[in-house]
Protein backbone atom coordinates (compact mmCIF):
# COMPACT_ATOMS: atom_id res chain seq x y z
CA MET A 1 0.00 0.00 0.00
CA PRO A 2 1.43 3.39 -0.99
CA THR A 3 2.44 5.81 1.75
CA LYS A 4 -0.28 8.33 2.48
CA LEU A 5 0.04 11.90 3.61
CA GLU A 6 -2.67 13.38 5.79
CA PHE A 7 -2.96 17.15 5.86
CA SER A 8 -5.34 20.10 5.95
CA THR A 9 -6.56 21.83 2.82
CA PRO A 10 -9.21 24.45 2.10
CA GLU A 11 -11.42 21.46 1.21
CA GLY A 12 -10.89 19.96 4.65
CA ARG A 13 -8.50 17.38 6.00
CA ILE A 14 -7.53 14.79 3.41
CA SER A 15 -5.36 11.72 3.16
CA LEU A 16 -3.77 10.96 -0.20
CA SER A 17 -0.95 8.85 -1.53
CA ILE A 18 2.26 10.70 -2.30
CA ASP A 19 1.60 10.13 -6.02
CA ASP A 20 -1.84 11.73 -5.71
CA VAL A 21 -0.45 14.65 -3.71
CA GLN A 22 2.21 15.19 -6.39
CA PHE A 23 -0.46 14.99 -9.07
CA MET A 24 -2.54 17.68 -7.35
CA ALA A 25 0.49 19.86 -6.68
CA TYR A 26 2.07 19.68 -10.13
CA ASP A 27 -0.01 17.96 -12.82
CA ALA A 28 -3.75 18.36 -12.23
CA GLY A 29 -4.10 21.65 -14.10
CA GLU A 30 -2.28 20.38 -17.16
CA LEU A 31 -4.34 17.19 -17.30
CA ALA A 32 -7.56 19.21 -16.92
CA MET A 33 -6.57 21.22 -19.99
CA LYS A 34 -5.61 18.13 -22.03
CA SER A 35 -8.39 15.70 -21.11
CA THR A 36 -11.34 16.58 -18.94
CA ARG A 37 -12.41 12.92 -18.89
CA ASP A 38 -9.03 11.71 -17.60
CA PHE A 39 -8.90 14.57 -15.10
CA VAL A 40 -12.34 13.75 -13.69
CA GLY A 41 -11.48 10.04 -13.52
CA ARG A 42 -8.25 10.66 -11.64
CA MET A 43 -9.91 13.09 -9.24
CA ARG A 44 -12.76 10.63 -8.58
CA ALA A 45 -10.23 7.93 -7.75
CA MET A 46 -8.67 10.32 -5.24
CA GLY A 47 -12.03 11.12 -3.63
CA LEU A 48 -12.16 14.63 -5.13
CA GLY A 49 -14.65 13.91 -7.88
CA GLU A 50 -17.14 16.63 -6.93
CA LEU A 51 -14.57 19.35 -7.55
CA ALA A 52 -13.56 17.91 -10.93
CA GLU A 53 -17.13 17.16 -11.99
CA THR A 54 -18.09 20.77 -11.29
CA TYR A 55 -15.17 21.91 -13.45
CA ALA A 56 -16.24 19.58 -16.27
CA ARG A 57 -19.87 20.73 -16.06
CA LEU A 58 -18.84 24.39 -16.25
CA ILE A 59 -16.56 23.80 -19.24
CA ALA A 60 -19.41 21.96 -20.98
CA GLN A 61 -21.75 24.88 -20.24
CA TYR A 62 -19.30 27.24 -21.92
CA LYS A 63 -19.30 25.05 -25.02
CA VAL A 64 -23.11 24.94 -25.10
CA SER A 65 -23.25 28.74 -24.77
CA GLU A 66 -20.81 29.06 -27.66
CA LEU A 67 -23.07 26.89 -29.83
CA GLU A 68 -26.11 28.96 -28.85
CA LEU A 69 -24.29 32.16 -29.82
CA ARG A 70 -23.38 30.68 -33.22
CA GLU A 71 -26.99 29.65 -33.84
CA ALA A 72 -28.26 33.12 -32.95
CA ARG A 73 -25.69 34.75 -35.22
CA GLU A 74 -26.61 32.47 -38.12
CA GLU A 75 -30.30 33.19 -37.62
CA ALA A 76 -29.66 36.96 -37.50
CA GLU A 77 -27.55 36.78 -40.67
CA ALA A 78 -30.35 34.90 -42.44
CA LEU A 79 -32.86 37.54 -41.36
CA LEU A 80 -30.79 40.54 -42.43
CA GLY A 81 -32.13 40.36 -45.98
CA SER A 82 -35.73 39.95 -44.83
CA LYS A 83 -38.32 42.75 -44.68
CA GLU A 84 -39.29 41.79 -41.14
CA GLU A 85 -35.71 41.61 -39.91
CA SER A 86 -35.77 44.23 -37.16
CA GLY A 87 -38.92 42.96 -35.50
CA THR A 88 -37.84 39.35 -35.70
CA ILE A 89 -34.34 40.07 -34.45
CA GLU A 90 -35.71 42.15 -31.59
CA LYS A 91 -38.39 39.64 -30.59
CA ARG A 92 -36.64 36.31 -31.18
CA ILE A 93 -32.90 36.75 -31.20
CA MET A 94 -32.27 39.51 -28.66
CA PRO A 95 -33.97 37.63 -25.77
CA ARG A 96 -31.94 34.53 -26.64
CA LEU A 97 -28.74 36.55 -26.68
CA GLU A 98 -29.56 38.12 -23.32
CA ALA A 99 -30.22 34.69 -21.80
CA VAL A 100 -26.92 33.36 -23.18
CA ARG A 101 -25.09 36.44 -21.88
CA GLU A 102 -26.49 35.83 -18.39
CA THR A 103 -25.56 32.14 -18.56
CA ILE A 104 -22.02 33.00 -19.61
CA ALA A 105 -21.66 35.55 -16.80
CA ARG A 106 -22.85 33.00 -14.19
CA THR A 107 -20.64 30.30 -15.67
CA GLN A 108 -17.60 32.61 -15.52
CA ILE A 109 -18.20 33.37 -11.85
CA ASP A 110 -18.72 29.69 -10.99
CA LEU A 111 -15.71 28.57 -13.03
CA ARG A 112 -13.47 31.18 -11.41
CA GLU A 113 -14.54 29.97 -7.95
CA ASN A 114 -13.96 26.33 -8.96
CA VAL A 115 -10.50 27.03 -10.38
CA GLU A 116 -9.59 29.03 -7.26
CA ARG A 117 -10.64 26.04 -5.12
CA MET A 118 -8.46 23.71 -7.21
CA ALA A 119 -5.53 26.16 -7.08
CA ALA A 120 -5.83 26.39 -3.29
CA LEU A 121 -5.93 22.59 -3.07
CA SER A 122 -2.88 22.37 -5.33
CA ALA A 123 -0.98 24.81 -3.13
CA ALA A 124 -2.06 22.92 -0.01
CA CYS A 125 -0.72 19.70 -1.55
CA ASP A 126 2.67 21.24 -2.26
CA TYR A 127 3.38 22.03 1.40
CA PRO A 128 3.34 18.49 2.90
CA LEU A 129 5.54 17.22 0.08
CA HIS A 130 8.25 19.67 1.08
CA GLN A 131 8.02 18.45 4.68
CA ILE A 132 9.35 15.04 3.59
CA PRO A 133 13.10 15.00 4.31
CA GLY A 134 15.07 15.05 1.06
CA TYR A 135 11.98 15.49 -1.13
CA ARG A 136 12.50 17.07 -4.52
CA PRO A 137 9.65 17.86 -6.90
CA PRO A 138 9.56 15.76 -10.05
CA ALA A 139 11.79 17.12 -12.82
CA ARG A 140 9.84 18.87 -15.57
CA THR A 141 10.96 19.08 -19.13
CA ALA A 142 10.15 22.01 -21.37
CA ARG A 143 7.14 21.23 -23.51
C-alpha cells in the first residue's frame, strides 16, 4: 500500500498517496486542460470527484453557450435580408442573446470559484511534500 500523507486543505483534512499529492500539486491543471475525462477520472479515484465534476460541467456549459451564440448569429444573418428583420431580431434573437449572456456571466463566476478552489488545493498539496526530508519535486521538461 502506498504511503499516504494526511494534511489540511481548504477542502478539509484529506489523506492521499504521495503520487496523488504530487499529481494535485504539479499535474492536475495540465491534465484538466488536455483531457477533462481523464482529469475527472483521476480526481474521482482520489475522492475529489465533486470538484472535478463541477469543473467539467462548467466547461461543458461554456461550449453549449458558444453553440447557442453561433446559432443566434446564423439566424440573424439569415434575417438581415428579410423585410421583417428588425422585429424578428428584436423579438426572437435579442432575448436569446440576453439569456446566453447571463448564462455565460454566471458560468464565468462559478468557473473562477472552482478554479480558485483547485488552485488552493494544489498549493495545499505542495506544502506536505516539502516536509518530507530530502523530497525534490519531479523534474519537468520544457514542452
